[in-house]
Protein backbone atom coordinates (compact mmCIF):
# COMPACT_ATOMS: atom_id res chain seq x y z
CA GLN A 1 2.06 0.19 26.38
CA VAL A 2 3.35 3.56 25.78
CA GLN A 3 4.16 7.02 26.67
CA LEU A 4 2.73 9.97 25.84
CA VAL A 5 3.89 13.76 27.44
CA GLU A 6 1.30 16.67 26.50
CA SER A 7 2.52 19.35 25.31
CA GLY A 8 1.02 23.19 24.22
CA GLY A 9 -2.03 23.42 26.20
CA GLY A 10 -2.78 27.59 27.59
CA LEU A 11 -5.22 30.40 28.34
CA VAL A 12 -7.02 31.58 25.04
CA GLN A 13 -9.62 34.00 24.76
CA ALA A 14 -12.47 32.46 22.71
CA GLY A 15 -12.58 32.61 19.17
CA GLY A 16 -8.49 32.41 19.74
CA SER A 17 -6.19 28.92 18.27
CA LEU A 18 -3.48 26.73 20.25
CA ARG A 19 -2.27 23.48 18.79
CA LEU A 20 -1.83 20.93 21.38
CA SER A 21 0.97 18.20 21.09
CA CYS A 22 1.51 14.61 22.10
CA ALA A 23 4.73 12.62 21.36
CA ALA A 24 4.34 9.21 22.25
CA SER A 25 7.52 6.66 22.70
CA GLY A 26 7.14 2.90 22.87
CA ARG A 27 8.58 0.95 19.74
CA THR A 28 4.58 -0.53 18.78
CA PHE A 29 2.78 3.36 18.77
CA SER A 30 3.60 3.73 14.58
CA ARG A 31 0.30 0.46 15.18
CA ARG A 32 -2.27 2.56 17.51
CA ALA A 33 -4.25 4.34 16.79
CA VAL A 34 -4.72 7.40 19.22
CA GLY A 35 -7.08 9.33 20.44
CA TRP A 36 -8.01 13.59 22.85
CA PHE A 37 -9.93 12.91 25.83
CA ARG A 38 -11.86 16.57 28.30
CA GLN A 39 -12.10 16.59 30.55
CA ALA A 40 -14.29 19.77 33.12
CA PRO A 41 -14.25 19.85 36.63
CA GLY A 42 -17.03 18.71 37.53
CA LYS A 43 -17.75 16.50 34.57
CA GLU A 44 -16.87 13.05 33.59
CA ARG A 45 -14.07 12.15 30.99
CA GLU A 46 -15.10 12.97 27.29
CA PHE A 47 -13.98 12.25 23.47
CA VAL A 48 -13.01 14.79 21.32
CA ALA A 49 -11.28 12.79 18.45
CA ALA A 50 -9.62 10.07 17.90
CA ILE A 51 -7.56 9.42 14.62
CA SER A 52 -6.27 5.23 13.06
CA TRP A 53 -2.81 4.90 13.35
CA GLY A 54 -1.17 4.79 9.24
CA GLY A 55 -4.02 8.73 10.10
CA GLY A 56 -6.32 8.11 7.31
CA ASN A 57 -8.88 7.68 8.87
CA THR A 58 -10.45 10.40 11.96
CA ASP A 59 -13.61 10.67 13.82
CA TYR A 60 -14.33 13.99 16.35
CA SER A 61 -17.37 14.55 18.44
CA ASP A 62 -20.18 16.95 17.43
CA SER A 63 -17.93 19.40 19.50
CA VAL A 64 -15.45 20.31 17.67
CA LYS A 65 -16.67 19.22 14.24
CA GLY A 66 -14.60 21.84 12.12
CA ARG A 67 -13.29 23.33 14.02
CA PHE A 68 -10.58 20.77 16.21
CA THR A 69 -8.00 19.05 13.42
CA ILE A 70 -6.07 15.97 14.19
CA SER A 71 -2.95 14.97 12.84
CA ARG A 72 0.35 12.38 13.80
CA ASP A 73 3.78 12.12 12.42
CA ASN A 74 4.76 8.35 12.90
CA ALA A 75 8.20 8.91 12.14
CA ALA A 76 8.55 11.34 14.61
CA SER A 77 5.79 9.92 17.71
CA MET A 78 3.84 12.63 17.08
CA ILE A 79 0.26 13.32 18.19
CA ASP A 80 -0.90 16.79 16.76
CA LEU A 81 -4.69 18.75 18.14
CA HIS A 82 -4.75 22.24 16.29
CA MET A 83 -7.62 23.92 17.98
CA ASP A 84 -9.73 26.69 16.56
CA ARG A 85 -12.17 29.37 16.90
CA LEU A 86 -12.41 27.55 21.10
CA GLU A 87 -15.50 28.43 23.59
CA PRO A 88 -14.95 28.79 27.26
CA GLU A 89 -17.23 25.47 26.77
CA ASP A 90 -14.36 23.75 26.05
CA THR A 91 -12.33 24.28 28.50
CA ALA A 92 -11.21 21.71 30.22
CA VAL A 93 -8.24 19.26 30.85
CA TYR A 94 -6.90 17.73 28.23
CA TYR A 95 -5.24 14.34 27.72
CA CYS A 96 -3.33 12.00 24.83
CA ALA A 97 -5.12 7.57 24.71
CA ALA A 98 -3.64 5.37 23.21
CA ARG A 99 -4.98 2.05 22.27
CA GLY A 100 -3.63 -1.60 22.49
CA TYR A 101 -1.24 -3.24 20.34
CA SER A 102 -4.55 -4.36 17.19
CA GLY A 103 -6.46 -0.54 18.37
CA THR A 104 -5.06 0.25 15.14
CA GLN A 105 -8.63 2.61 14.17
CA PRO A 106 -10.65 5.35 16.19
CA ARG A 107 -12.20 5.42 18.84
CA ARG A 108 -15.11 6.55 21.32
CA GLU A 109 -14.64 5.17 25.08
CA ALA A 110 -11.75 5.74 26.83
CA SER A 111 -12.12 2.62 28.12
CA GLN A 112 -10.94 1.23 25.05
CA TYR A 113 -7.32 2.99 25.49
CA ASP A 114 -4.49 2.08 27.01
CA SER A 115 -2.47 4.34 27.69
CA TRP A 116 -2.60 8.15 28.71
CA GLY A 117 -0.13 10.55 29.63
CA GLN A 118 -0.93 13.14 32.52
CA GLY A 119 -2.99 15.63 30.94
CA THR A 120 -2.58 19.79 30.05
CA GLN A 121 -4.79 22.50 30.86
CA VAL A 122 -6.46 24.86 28.23
CA THR A 123 -8.81 27.60 28.91
CA VAL A 124 -10.85 29.77 27.42
CA SER A 125 -12.27 32.98 28.74
CA SER A 126 -14.69 35.54 27.47
């Protein structure tokens, strides 16, 4: 497993932008796909975006496609989620997650990820 710590959450007005960061530790991090998930109050955790181990393959949920961008810097062991044109419906706790060692490609199922951060709150006011 790898250890993951998210940062960058906060309060923003609708239409604004935020950048979430996820710092990873663990020598096998660069060989793992990484994803962002979110969970709003009273709702199940849902997939947001994911990126392959080398960064060449990305996937986004329909609700964020065109507004969010996921990226990674393996040399720095960092994964970013840049969020533009935020909407109140984006309000949630956002989690960074890494797949197991053989999981090099992005997947949408939370069960495919075995390392999780503690989460960071994003609140979008209308």
